Amino acid sequence: MRNYKILKASLIVTALLAFTACSSETEANRQVIKEPGKTITVIDNEHTGTDQSEDLVEKIEHYEGINISDWLDEETVVISKENTDMDKMSLAELSEYYPKSLYLYNVNTREAKLLYGVKNTFLVDAKLSPDKKNILYYQSSLGDGTYAVMNMSTLKEFSITGDVSGVAYTAHWADNENVMGASYNGSAYVADIKGNLSELVELEGEAVSNAIKMQDHIMYTTNTGSNLYMMNLVNKQIKDLGDKKVYRMKLSPDQKQVLLFKEKGPETMALVIADAEGNELKTIVEGSYNGDAAWSPDQRRIAYNIKSADNSNTNDELYIYDLQTGKSTQIAVNLPISSISWSPSGQQIALSDTSGSEPKSSIIHLK
């Protein structure tokens, strides 16, 4: 994990997830889509199938040199890009790069307005709080970076680090007022928007690798094994949910469900919906998996991408899974994807690729 942050800080190579796989054989209520060099399994209890992208997609627009990380409104996104108004980085290994600053970017006019920048610092991966009043981002310059929170009106910011929390290496919005995650000291922390930090003492020494808050529970994984755990915030009891092999977790908008990114085998991944108790409700897809997945604001759809190999070529395929119909629709191909974010209306999807030397982004307009 530390190496990942160092790579992220250097901006030479950034990758979030990379897995190659083939899916399992067809079973009852499974549809297996087989194409040359790949197998993808779409799973549902009652409905299976895929639709064509022309049923959903109106157009796709591409943006060079910017990394879209979140939406402020239907016309404005938060981006990170090189700030050429500043001097280049002073560190010798990064001296060919300019600092990266945060901007508000109009996707129609393609005009960028500086939101926040710091000399000799990369600011990336910015995520707005649900009420859009504060922003969480990652900052780095030398060695390991840190997460920081900034008020969108006052531009007052603080770093999530200190004797209590250690240095945070994961962070997400738990609600409008609080950020939580895991830290390098092996525990989990909560940071409020005023800069107050607290450690979850019940998890001290647990070697926590990822932690999310779901209602009155904390769901977490550790560096010591592949089991998934849940701590009740009321009675502080910890429950072992078993060997789940969860690599990553994504909360639903209402925080009552979670997407589990699971390693099914040495070369097979699965994307699974679970409830607040950790019960697995539905497997969306098995097979080659890469990049990201994101809930739509109305929680009806999930956008996710599959990385598949076709002879010597590697293709990224974006799908939308509809929870009401149980169908996955392929809406884009050959778009390398590191992160996915929905617009507030659910009518646009921003894709960002940070795997190369220069970031690229795309916006898919849905019908």
Foldseek 3Di string as FASTA:
>chain_A
DLVQQQCVFLLAFHFDDFFAWEDDDDDPQKDWDDDAFHIKIFHDDPFEDADAQVQWFDDKDKDWFWFFQAAPAPFKTKIKGFDPVAQAAPPPSRRVGHAIFIWIAGPVVRDTHGQDDDGQKHWDNWDAAPVRQKIWIWMHHPRGTAIKMAGSPPRDMDTPDDPAQHGFPDWDHQHNFWIKWHHPQQFIWIAGNVGDIHTPVLRGPVQWDTWHDAPQKIWTDHPPAQWIKIAGNPVRDIDTPDRFQFDDWDAALNSQKIWTWHDPDPRKIWTFIAGPVRHTDIIGMMGAAGAEKDAQNVRQKIKGWGWGDRPPDIKIWIWIAGNVNSYIYTNDMRDAFHYWYAHNVRQKIKGWDSRHSGIMIMITGTD
